[in-house]
Every structure is written in C-alpha cells, then in structure tokens.
Amino acid sequence: MPSSTRARRPRSRAARDKRVTSSFSHVRGDGRGDAVRVTVLGSGDAFGSGGRLHSAYLVDAPGATFLVDCGPSVLQAMKRLGRDPEEIDFVLLSHLHGDHFAGVPFLFMQYRYDAPRTRPFAVYGPPGTERRVRTLFSALYAKPSHEAMPFPLRFTELHENRKQTIGPVAVLPFRVPHAPELTAFGYRITVAGRTIVYSGDSSWTDEFVPRARGADLFICECSTYETKVGIHISYPEIAARAPELKCRRLLLSHLGREPLRRLGEIELECAQDGMTLDL
C-alpha cells in the first residue's frame, strides 16, 4: 500500500468517529435553533397500508440531523416536504427488513448523482448491517455499487445495551422480540436534553415500560388491531399498557390496515406522514 494512502486513513475507531462527526451540520435545516423536531416521513407498515410511506423519522437537533430507519420511500417523503437529503448526517437502522432499511441505497444514488456529496455519511445498525446494505445496493445498482463513493462512508454495528455516542447524539440499543432470524433493536436516543424512544418492529415487551419512562416521545409500532401475529403489536395490547409508560408523548406508527380501518375507535395519538413533533 502506498504511504500516501496510509497517511489518509484514520488510525483508530475514535479517529474514524471524529472524522465523521466533525462534519455534522451545526445549522438546522428548519432554522429552529436549540429545539428538537421529529418529522414523520413514513408511518405505514411493510404493505403501504392506507397509501402510507415506509418507516422513516427525521430528527433535527442542534448539531445533528439524522434518520431513524430509512424505508425505500425516504427520498419521496423528504422531497415532498421540501427537505434536502444532503442535510442527513447519519442513519440509524432498527433492523434489516426492507421497509426499514431499503432506502439507504437510494440515498447513496442521490449523493452520487443527483446532488453529489463530499462530506462523510454514516450508517448505524444491528450486526450484519453493512453486508445487507451493500448486497441490496449491488442488487439494485450493480455498477455504482462496485465503484468508490465520492464521499467518506462508514458503517458501524451496534450492540445490545452498549451506548453509542454519535456527535451530540447518545444512542442506547435494546433488543426487541421481532423476527427470530435477525437482530431487532429498539432505541433510546438522547440529544439536546430530549429523549426519544423508538420501538422499531416488535411484539409487546415489558421492557418498553422502563425504556419509555421519562422520555419526551415514544414512537411505538401498532401494526394490527384485532389480529395478533406474534411479531407485531396490536392496538389493544399497547392501549392496556399505555398508562404504565410514563412518557410525555406516545405516538403510534407503523400502522397497518386494521388500525387504519378503526381510527375512530383509537384513543391514542396516531402518526401521519409528514407530521412534525416539537420536543
């Protein structure tokens, strides 16, 4: 390896982290200063029930703009709202089902061709994230996927109950029961003095109670109503336990056809594509 190449390579994980986080935008896309805003880019299930877009939540905070999950409709969602995908510093994936991570290759294409990017970009997720994302990218766009990116790209695997600091953002992954063939995480995310808890996809687990306690926002999946499928949460399950959560705001999302058909009977707040929440 030429010495010039070695000189450009960070010597440690800490150096790589510094390289990525030092490029974070310190000017929020919406110009709202020190507040934290969550925008629901997609509140639907894997089947796009009700015409809703796939899972993706844009978090604007002082010093960082990032995605929690990145479904395949992420670019459409952002551009409908007039948001520039270049603002995203990193993506945090809960698990590796297509409706939660398949938007990442489309971000790569955006950053390569439509709006060339030069500053670093990072993808965080459970074990296997880099392999799955690269495999999908290759299947979708074979030639670009095998070419060098014009921007520094880093993948980082997260681990259960091990805190990860990403610039000003602290992320604590916790394991949730979903599909047995893969690792699925929920997240407790802290930034600018605000806490967001995200269930990812999961059946009901009592671990949500301590994780959500004191959070400013708990985004909880609610895929079904009368049907219990074992890997998702039904509305009656979460409604029965909602008083125990002790979070400031509970938002139901990942809504399937059953809860959408019975919205008039649902008393808890439900997400809508494009809605914003100021924390």
Protein backbone atom coordinates (compact mmCIF):
# COMPACT_ATOMS: atom_id res chain seq x y z
CA MET A 1 0.00 0.00 0.00
CA PRO A 2 1.43 3.44 -0.94
CA SER A 3 2.41 5.58 2.01
CA SER A 4 0.14 8.41 0.84
CA THR A 5 -2.85 6.09 1.24
CA ARG A 6 -1.81 5.08 4.73
CA ALA A 7 -1.45 8.72 5.74
CA ARG A 8 -5.07 9.46 4.83
CA ARG A 9 -6.52 6.53 6.76
CA PRO A 10 -7.67 7.16 10.36
CA ARG A 11 -5.62 5.04 12.76
CA SER A 12 -8.37 4.08 15.18
CA ARG A 13 -12.12 3.82 15.61
CA ALA A 14 -12.02 7.03 17.64
CA ALA A 15 -10.30 8.75 14.75
CA ARG A 16 -12.94 7.47 12.32
CA ASP A 17 -15.72 8.68 14.63
CA LYS A 18 -14.10 12.11 14.85
CA ARG A 19 -13.77 12.24 11.08
CA VAL A 20 -17.49 11.62 10.60
CA THR A 21 -18.96 13.61 13.48
CA SER A 22 -16.79 16.66 12.85
CA SER A 23 -18.66 17.10 9.56
CA PHE A 24 -22.10 17.30 11.17
CA SER A 25 -24.17 20.30 10.20
CA HIS A 26 -24.49 22.83 13.00
CA VAL A 27 -27.24 24.76 11.22
CA ARG A 28 -30.61 23.05 11.38
CA GLY A 29 -32.49 22.60 8.14
CA ASP A 30 -35.56 24.35 9.55
CA GLY A 31 -33.63 27.06 11.39
CA ARG A 32 -35.27 26.36 14.75
CA GLY A 33 -32.22 26.81 16.96
CA ASP A 34 -31.89 24.60 20.05
CA ALA A 35 -35.20 22.74 19.82
CA VAL A 36 -35.53 19.11 18.73
CA ARG A 37 -38.03 18.34 15.99
CA VAL A 38 -39.14 14.93 14.76
CA THR A 39 -40.72 14.66 11.31
CA VAL A 40 -42.61 11.51 10.42
CA LEU A 41 -41.51 10.70 6.88
CA GLY A 42 -43.32 7.37 6.80
CA SER A 43 -45.89 5.90 9.19
CA GLY A 44 -47.02 2.85 7.24
CA ASP A 45 -46.36 -0.85 7.52
CA ALA A 46 -44.48 -3.05 5.05
CA PHE A 47 -47.55 -3.17 2.78
CA GLY A 48 -48.05 0.59 2.49
CA SER A 49 -51.45 0.27 4.12
CA GLY A 50 -53.65 3.29 3.52
CA GLY A 51 -51.16 4.57 0.94
CA ARG A 52 -48.73 5.50 3.71
CA LEU A 53 -44.99 5.60 3.16
CA HIS A 54 -42.50 3.25 4.78
CA SER A 55 -40.83 3.73 8.16
CA ALA A 56 -38.55 6.75 8.43
CA TYR A 57 -38.28 9.52 11.04
CA LEU A 58 -36.19 12.64 10.52
CA VAL A 59 -34.72 14.17 13.67
CA ASP A 60 -33.50 17.77 13.59
CA ALA A 61 -31.43 18.70 16.64
CA PRO A 62 -28.66 21.15 17.48
CA GLY A 63 -25.54 19.87 15.75
CA ALA A 64 -27.09 16.87 14.01
CA THR A 65 -29.79 15.87 11.55
CA PHE A 66 -30.40 12.15 11.26
CA LEU A 67 -32.81 9.43 10.26
CA VAL A 68 -34.25 6.75 12.49
CA ASP A 69 -34.99 3.97 9.98
CA CYS A 70 -34.86 4.51 6.26
CA GLY A 71 -37.62 2.83 4.27
CA PRO A 72 -37.48 2.74 0.45
CA SER A 73 -39.79 5.76 0.09
CA VAL A 74 -37.45 8.07 2.04
CA LEU A 75 -36.46 10.32 -0.88
CA GLN A 76 -40.06 10.84 -1.97
CA ALA A 77 -41.02 11.72 1.59
CA MET A 78 -38.24 14.24 2.06
CA LYS A 79 -38.70 15.92 -1.30
CA ARG A 80 -42.46 16.24 -0.83
CA LEU A 81 -41.70 18.20 2.34
CA GLY A 82 -39.04 20.33 0.67
CA ARG A 83 -36.24 18.81 2.75
CA ASP A 84 -32.77 18.35 1.31
CA PRO A 85 -31.38 14.80 1.76
CA GLU A 86 -27.91 16.36 2.00
CA GLU A 87 -28.84 17.56 5.49
CA ILE A 88 -28.75 14.00 6.84
CA ASP A 89 -25.61 13.28 8.85
CA PHE A 90 -26.29 9.62 9.59
CA VAL A 91 -28.91 6.88 9.52
CA LEU A 92 -29.86 4.69 12.48
CA LEU A 93 -31.47 1.38 11.47
CA SER A 94 -33.58 -0.66 13.87
CA HIS A 95 -33.47 -3.90 11.90
CA LEU A 96 -32.86 -5.26 8.44
CA HIS A 97 -36.30 -5.73 6.94
CA GLY A 98 -36.74 -3.94 3.63
CA ASP A 99 -39.38 -1.47 4.75
CA HIS A 100 -36.92 -0.16 7.36
CA PHE A 101 -33.56 -0.10 5.55
CA ALA A 102 -34.09 -0.32 1.78
CA GLY A 103 -33.95 3.45 1.34
CA VAL A 104 -30.23 3.56 2.09
CA PRO A 105 -29.10 2.62 -1.47
CA PHE A 106 -31.36 5.35 -2.83
CA LEU A 107 -29.60 7.86 -0.58
CA PHE A 108 -26.30 6.60 -1.99
CA MET A 109 -27.57 7.22 -5.53
CA GLN A 110 -28.83 10.67 -4.55
CA TYR A 111 -25.43 11.53 -3.09
CA ARG A 112 -23.55 10.14 -6.08
CA TYR A 113 -25.51 11.54 -9.00
CA ASP A 114 -28.42 13.88 -8.26
CA ALA A 115 -26.74 16.02 -5.59
CA PRO A 116 -23.08 14.97 -5.30
CA ARG A 117 -21.97 14.78 -1.70
CA THR A 118 -18.46 15.27 -0.34
CA ARG A 119 -18.90 15.30 3.43
CA PRO A 120 -18.95 12.00 5.35
CA PHE A 121 -22.02 9.85 5.83
CA ALA A 122 -22.56 7.04 8.35
CA VAL A 123 -24.94 4.12 8.74
CA TYR A 124 -25.53 2.54 12.17
CA GLY A 125 -27.48 -0.64 12.81
CA PRO A 126 -27.53 -4.15 14.20
CA PRO A 127 -24.98 -6.83 13.31
CA GLY A 128 -24.95 -7.54 9.58
CA THR A 129 -25.92 -4.01 8.55
CA GLU A 130 -23.02 -3.34 6.19
CA ARG A 131 -23.31 -6.69 4.43
CA ARG A 132 -27.07 -6.38 3.92
CA VAL A 133 -26.93 -2.78 2.72
CA ARG A 134 -24.10 -3.48 0.30
CA THR A 135 -25.82 -6.61 -1.01
CA LEU A 136 -29.02 -4.67 -1.62
CA PHE A 137 -27.14 -1.82 -3.30
CA SER A 138 -25.45 -4.33 -5.60
CA ALA A 139 -28.79 -5.94 -6.49
CA LEU A 140 -30.37 -2.57 -7.29
CA TYR A 141 -27.47 -0.77 -8.99
CA ALA A 142 -24.68 -3.20 -9.84
CA LYS A 143 -22.15 -0.84 -11.44
CA PRO A 144 -22.36 2.10 -8.97
CA SER A 145 -22.27 -0.27 -6.02
CA HIS A 146 -18.82 -1.51 -7.02
CA GLU A 147 -17.34 1.94 -7.55
CA ALA A 148 -15.70 4.08 -4.89
CA MET A 149 -18.05 6.54 -3.21
CA PRO A 150 -17.23 10.23 -3.76
CA PHE A 151 -17.76 10.81 -0.03
CA PRO A 152 -16.42 9.04 3.09
CA LEU A 153 -18.83 6.29 4.10
CA ARG A 154 -18.73 4.40 7.38
CA PHE A 155 -20.81 1.53 8.72
CA THR A 156 -20.95 0.81 12.46
CA GLU A 157 -22.58 -2.21 14.06
CA LEU A 158 -24.37 -1.53 17.34
CA HIS A 159 -24.69 -3.90 20.27
CA GLU A 160 -27.40 -4.54 22.80
CA ASN A 161 -27.27 -2.25 25.86
CA ARG A 162 -23.99 -0.69 24.72
CA LYS A 163 -24.26 3.09 24.45
CA GLN A 164 -23.05 4.68 21.21
CA THR A 165 -22.20 8.37 21.03
CA ILE A 166 -22.58 9.92 17.59
CA GLY A 167 -21.58 13.57 17.74
CA PRO A 168 -24.11 15.20 20.10
CA VAL A 169 -26.42 12.16 19.97
CA ALA A 170 -26.38 9.31 22.52
CA VAL A 171 -27.95 6.06 21.35
CA LEU A 172 -28.75 3.07 23.57
CA PRO A 173 -29.89 -0.02 21.63
CA PHE A 174 -32.05 -2.62 23.35
CA ARG A 175 -33.15 -5.94 21.89
CA VAL A 176 -36.82 -6.33 20.98
CA PRO A 177 -38.71 -9.51 20.00
CA HIS A 178 -39.43 -9.48 16.29
CA ALA A 179 -38.36 -11.90 13.56
CA PRO A 180 -36.21 -14.67 15.09
CA GLU A 181 -33.82 -14.81 12.12
CA LEU A 182 -32.42 -11.33 12.69
CA THR A 183 -31.44 -8.90 15.44
CA ALA A 184 -34.05 -6.20 16.01
CA PHE A 185 -33.36 -3.18 18.18
CA GLY A 186 -35.42 -0.54 19.85
CA TYR A 187 -33.58 2.66 20.70
CA ARG A 188 -33.45 5.21 23.48
CA ILE A 189 -31.98 8.31 21.89
CA THR A 190 -30.88 11.41 23.79
CA VAL A 191 -29.93 14.71 22.17
CA ALA A 192 -30.07 18.33 23.36
CA GLY A 193 -31.67 17.29 26.64
CA ARG A 194 -34.54 15.46 24.91
CA THR A 195 -35.16 11.71 24.83
CA ILE A 196 -36.82 9.75 22.03
CA VAL A 197 -37.65 6.08 22.44
CA TYR A 198 -38.34 4.03 19.32
CA SER A 199 -39.78 0.53 19.40
CA GLY A 200 -38.74 -0.47 15.91
CA ASP A 201 -40.76 -3.53 14.90
CA SER A 202 -41.61 -5.70 17.88
CA SER A 203 -44.21 -7.72 19.67
CA TRP A 204 -45.15 -6.24 23.02
CA THR A 205 -42.39 -6.49 25.61
CA ASP A 206 -42.48 -5.28 29.20
CA GLU A 207 -39.06 -3.75 28.57
CA PHE A 208 -40.85 -0.84 26.91
CA VAL A 209 -42.08 0.31 30.33
CA PRO A 210 -38.68 1.22 31.85
CA ARG A 211 -37.26 2.30 28.50
CA ALA A 212 -40.09 4.78 27.85
CA ARG A 213 -40.22 6.18 31.39
CA GLY A 214 -39.44 9.91 31.34
CA ALA A 215 -38.99 10.05 27.56
CA ASP A 216 -40.23 13.12 25.70
CA LEU A 217 -41.51 10.92 22.88
CA PHE A 218 -42.12 7.19 22.48
CA ILE A 219 -42.76 6.13 18.88
CA CYS A 220 -44.37 2.71 19.14
CA GLU A 221 -45.40 0.41 16.34
CA CYS A 222 -49.07 -0.58 16.07
CA SER A 223 -49.46 -2.91 13.12
CA THR A 224 -52.72 -4.65 13.93
CA TYR A 225 -55.93 -4.28 15.91
CA GLU A 226 -57.90 -7.49 16.29
CA THR A 227 -55.23 -9.83 14.92
CA LYS A 228 -52.25 -10.97 16.99
CA VAL A 229 -49.35 -12.09 14.82
CA GLY A 230 -46.61 -12.61 17.41
CA ILE A 231 -44.04 -10.29 15.82
CA HIS A 232 -46.02 -7.02 15.94
CA ILE A 233 -48.10 -5.08 18.46
CA SER A 234 -51.89 -4.82 18.32
CA TYR A 235 -53.70 -1.69 19.45
CA PRO A 236 -55.46 -3.30 22.46
CA GLU A 237 -52.09 -4.51 23.76
CA ILE A 238 -50.49 -1.09 23.83
CA ALA A 239 -53.68 0.69 24.96
CA ALA A 240 -53.83 -1.56 28.01
CA ARG A 241 -50.24 -0.76 28.99
CA ALA A 242 -50.04 2.90 27.92
CA PRO A 243 -50.63 4.32 31.45
CA GLU A 244 -47.54 2.46 32.67
CA LEU A 245 -45.20 4.01 30.12
CA LYS A 246 -44.91 7.40 31.87
CA CYS A 247 -43.61 9.14 28.75
CA ARG A 248 -44.57 12.71 27.86
CA ARG A 249 -45.95 11.78 24.45
CA LEU A 250 -46.87 8.43 22.93
CA LEU A 251 -47.19 8.18 19.16
CA LEU A 252 -48.45 5.08 17.37
CA SER A 253 -46.91 4.40 13.98
CA HIS A 254 -46.14 1.57 11.52
CA LEU A 255 -49.93 1.43 11.17
CA GLY A 256 -51.48 -1.49 9.32
CA ARG A 257 -54.86 -1.83 7.66
CA GLU A 258 -56.66 -2.93 10.84
CA PRO A 259 -55.86 0.13 12.99
CA LEU A 260 -56.31 2.42 9.99
CA ARG A 261 -59.79 0.99 9.44
CA ARG A 262 -60.65 1.64 13.08
CA LEU A 263 -59.06 5.05 13.65
CA GLY A 264 -62.34 6.32 15.06
CA GLU A 265 -62.05 3.83 17.92
CA ILE A 266 -58.40 4.56 18.73
CA GLU A 267 -57.90 6.99 21.60
CA LEU A 268 -54.09 7.18 21.48
CA GLU A 269 -52.32 9.57 19.11
CA CYS A 270 -51.53 8.12 15.68
CA ALA A 271 -48.80 9.26 13.32
CA GLN A 272 -49.44 10.79 9.93
CA ASP A 273 -46.96 11.03 7.08
CA GLY A 274 -45.41 14.50 7.13
CA MET A 275 -46.41 15.43 10.70
CA THR A 276 -43.88 17.23 12.90
CA LEU A 277 -43.42 16.99 16.65
CA ASP A 278 -41.51 19.61 18.61
CA LEU A 279 -39.94 18.26 21.76
